Amino acid sequence: MGCSRRLTLRGKEVSELTEVYPLFLDLAADGIIIYDPSNFARDYLEKIKKEIEKVGLIRYRTSSGYYGWKTKRPLKIGERIVIEIE
């Protein structure tokens, strides 16, 4: 019996985790923490989840099975959504 999922491990310094990249949104939604003895990852992903709610992002699934993020309200021309965690 084989494994049908790929696993990617990437290390980040704490100082690199202030700006939230789209990948981090997906990790907050779907990520499974394998090892986190200090609860840093758990707490970090919880902060991202709160920010997702605060800025009004909604996750959607495309007809081809991929996921994306959109806002609950229309954006103004040139408006950007930036999520930063302290």
C-alpha atoms as a PDB file:
ATOM      1  CA  MET A   1       0.000   0.000   0.000  1.00  0.00           C
ATOM      2  CA  GLY A   2       1.486   3.361  -1.048  1.00  0.00           C
ATOM      3  CA  CYS A   3       0.919   6.927  -0.020  1.00  0.00           C
ATOM      4  CA  SER A   4      -1.265   8.963  -2.356  1.00  0.00           C
ATOM      5  CA  ARG A   5      -0.251  12.393  -0.986  1.00  0.00           C
ATOM      6  CA  ARG A   6       2.950  14.328  -1.237  1.00  0.00           C
ATOM      7  CA  LEU A   7       4.500  15.811   1.874  1.00  0.00           C
ATOM      8  CA  THR A   8       6.617  18.953   1.748  1.00  0.00           C
ATOM      9  CA  LEU A   9       8.580  20.177   4.738  1.00  0.00           C
ATOM     10  CA  ARG A  10       9.883  23.728   4.724  1.00  0.00           C
ATOM     11  CA  GLY A  11      11.566  25.603   7.499  1.00  0.00           C
ATOM     12  CA  LYS A  12      10.897  29.268   8.222  1.00  0.00           C
ATOM     13  CA  GLU A  13      12.455  31.631  10.702  1.00  0.00           C
ATOM     14  CA  VAL A  14      10.006  33.329  13.070  1.00  0.00           C
ATOM     15  CA  SER A  15      11.067  36.691  11.629  1.00  0.00           C
ATOM     16  CA  GLU A  16       9.832  35.543   8.192  1.00  0.00           C
ATOM     17  CA  LEU A  17       6.302  34.934   9.424  1.00  0.00           C
ATOM     18  CA  THR A  18       5.022  38.520   9.677  1.00  0.00           C
ATOM     19  CA  GLU A  19       3.668  38.773   6.122  1.00  0.00           C
ATOM     20  CA  VAL A  20       1.023  36.181   5.349  1.00  0.00           C
ATOM     21  CA  TYR A  21       1.385  34.621   1.903  1.00  0.00           C
ATOM     22  CA  PRO A  22      -1.519  32.880   0.112  1.00  0.00           C
ATOM     23  CA  LEU A  23      -0.001  29.501   0.959  1.00  0.00           C
ATOM     24  CA  PHE A  24      -0.365  30.346   4.656  1.00  0.00           C
ATOM     25  CA  LEU A  25      -4.100  30.936   4.156  1.00  0.00           C
ATOM     26  CA  ASP A  26      -4.396  27.413   2.783  1.00  0.00           C
ATOM     27  CA  LEU A  27      -2.305  26.045   5.644  1.00  0.00           C
ATOM     28  CA  ALA A  28      -4.633  27.732   8.140  1.00  0.00           C
ATOM     29  CA  ALA A  29      -7.632  26.187   6.378  1.00  0.00           C
ATOM     30  CA  ASP A  30      -6.270  22.675   5.690  1.00  0.00           C
ATOM     31  CA  GLY A  31      -2.912  22.247   7.372  1.00  0.00           C
ATOM     32  CA  ILE A  32      -2.261  19.391   9.724  1.00  0.00           C
ATOM     33  CA  ILE A  33       0.387  20.084  12.336  1.00  0.00           C
ATOM     34  CA  ILE A  34       2.529  17.012  12.817  1.00  0.00           C
ATOM     35  CA  TYR A  35       4.869  18.234  15.554  1.00  0.00           C
ATOM     36  CA  ASP A  36       4.553  21.488  17.498  1.00  0.00           C
ATOM     37  CA  PRO A  37       5.667  21.018  21.108  1.00  0.00           C
ATOM     38  CA  SER A  38       5.580  24.764  21.881  1.00  0.00           C
ATOM     39  CA  ASN A  39       2.210  25.324  20.100  1.00  0.00           C
ATOM     40  CA  PHE A  40       3.821  28.035  17.957  1.00  0.00           C
ATOM     41  CA  ALA A  41       2.330  26.734  14.684  1.00  0.00           C
ATOM     42  CA  ARG A  42      -1.083  26.226  16.249  1.00  0.00           C
ATOM     43  CA  ASP A  43      -1.145  29.768  17.624  1.00  0.00           C
ATOM     44  CA  TYR A  44       0.189  31.258  14.369  1.00  0.00           C
ATOM     45  CA  LEU A  45      -2.440  29.516  12.234  1.00  0.00           C
ATOM     46  CA  GLU A  46      -5.165  30.601  14.672  1.00  0.00           C
ATOM     47  CA  LYS A  47      -4.060  34.214  14.244  1.00  0.00           C
ATOM     48  CA  ILE A  48      -4.296  33.797  10.476  1.00  0.00           C
ATOM     49  CA  LYS A  49      -7.805  32.345  10.785  1.00  0.00           C
ATOM     50  CA  LYS A  50      -8.883  35.365  12.840  1.00  0.00           C
ATOM     51  CA  GLU A  51      -7.399  37.737  10.253  1.00  0.00           C
ATOM     52  CA  ILE A  52      -9.144  35.861   7.427  1.00  0.00           C
ATOM     53  CA  GLU A  53     -12.440  36.495   9.197  1.00  0.00           C
ATOM     54  CA  LYS A  54     -11.523  40.095  10.057  1.00  0.00           C
ATOM     55  CA  VAL A  55     -10.703  41.118   6.462  1.00  0.00           C
ATOM     56  CA  GLY A  56     -13.648  39.165   5.087  1.00  0.00           C
ATOM     57  CA  LEU A  57     -12.017  36.476   2.950  1.00  0.00           C
ATOM     58  CA  ILE A  58     -13.988  33.505   1.681  1.00  0.00           C
ATOM     59  CA  ARG A  59     -12.475  30.310   0.354  1.00  0.00           C
ATOM     60  CA  TYR A  60     -14.018  28.857  -2.778  1.00  0.00           C
ATOM     61  CA  ARG A  61     -13.505  25.760  -4.895  1.00  0.00           C
ATOM     62  CA  THR A  62     -13.249  25.920  -8.664  1.00  0.00           C
ATOM     63  CA  SER A  63     -14.980  23.522 -11.014  1.00  0.00           C
ATOM     64  CA  SER A  64     -11.605  21.859 -11.606  1.00  0.00           C
ATOM     65  CA  GLY A  65     -11.179  21.143  -7.890  1.00  0.00           C
ATOM     66  CA  TYR A  66      -8.692  23.888  -6.996  1.00  0.00           C
ATOM     67  CA  TYR A  67      -9.226  26.427  -4.240  1.00  0.00           C
ATOM     68  CA  GLY A  68      -8.987  30.197  -4.187  1.00  0.00           C
ATOM     69  CA  TRP A  69      -9.784  33.138  -1.944  1.00  0.00           C
ATOM     70  CA  LYS A  70     -12.054  36.106  -2.549  1.00  0.00           C
ATOM     71  CA  THR A  71     -13.485  38.926  -0.481  1.00  0.00           C
ATOM     72  CA  LYS A  72     -17.029  39.086   0.844  1.00  0.00           C
ATOM     73  CA  ARG A  73     -17.325  42.562  -0.669  1.00  0.00           C
ATOM     74  CA  PRO A  74     -16.196  43.944  -4.030  1.00  0.00           C
ATOM     75  CA  LEU A  75     -12.738  45.516  -3.988  1.00  0.00           C
ATOM     76  CA  LYS A  76     -12.116  49.044  -5.224  1.00  0.00           C
ATOM     77  CA  ILE A  77      -9.757  49.437  -8.176  1.00  0.00           C
ATOM     78  CA  GLY A  78      -6.202  49.129  -6.886  1.00  0.00           C
ATOM     79  CA  GLU A  79      -7.267  47.994  -3.417  1.00  0.00           C
ATOM     80  CA  ARG A  80      -5.151  45.263  -1.872  1.00  0.00           C
ATOM     81  CA  ILE A  81      -5.841  42.946   1.009  1.00  0.00           C
ATOM     82  CA  VAL A  82      -2.754  42.589   3.186  1.00  0.00           C
ATOM     83  CA  ILE A  83      -2.638  40.345   6.222  1.00  0.00           C
ATOM     84  CA  GLU A  84       0.253  40.784   8.611  1.00  0.00           C
ATOM     85  CA  ILE A  85       0.784  38.958  11.875  1.00  0.00           C
ATOM     86  CA  GLU A  86       2.833  40.454  14.692  1.00  0.00           C
END
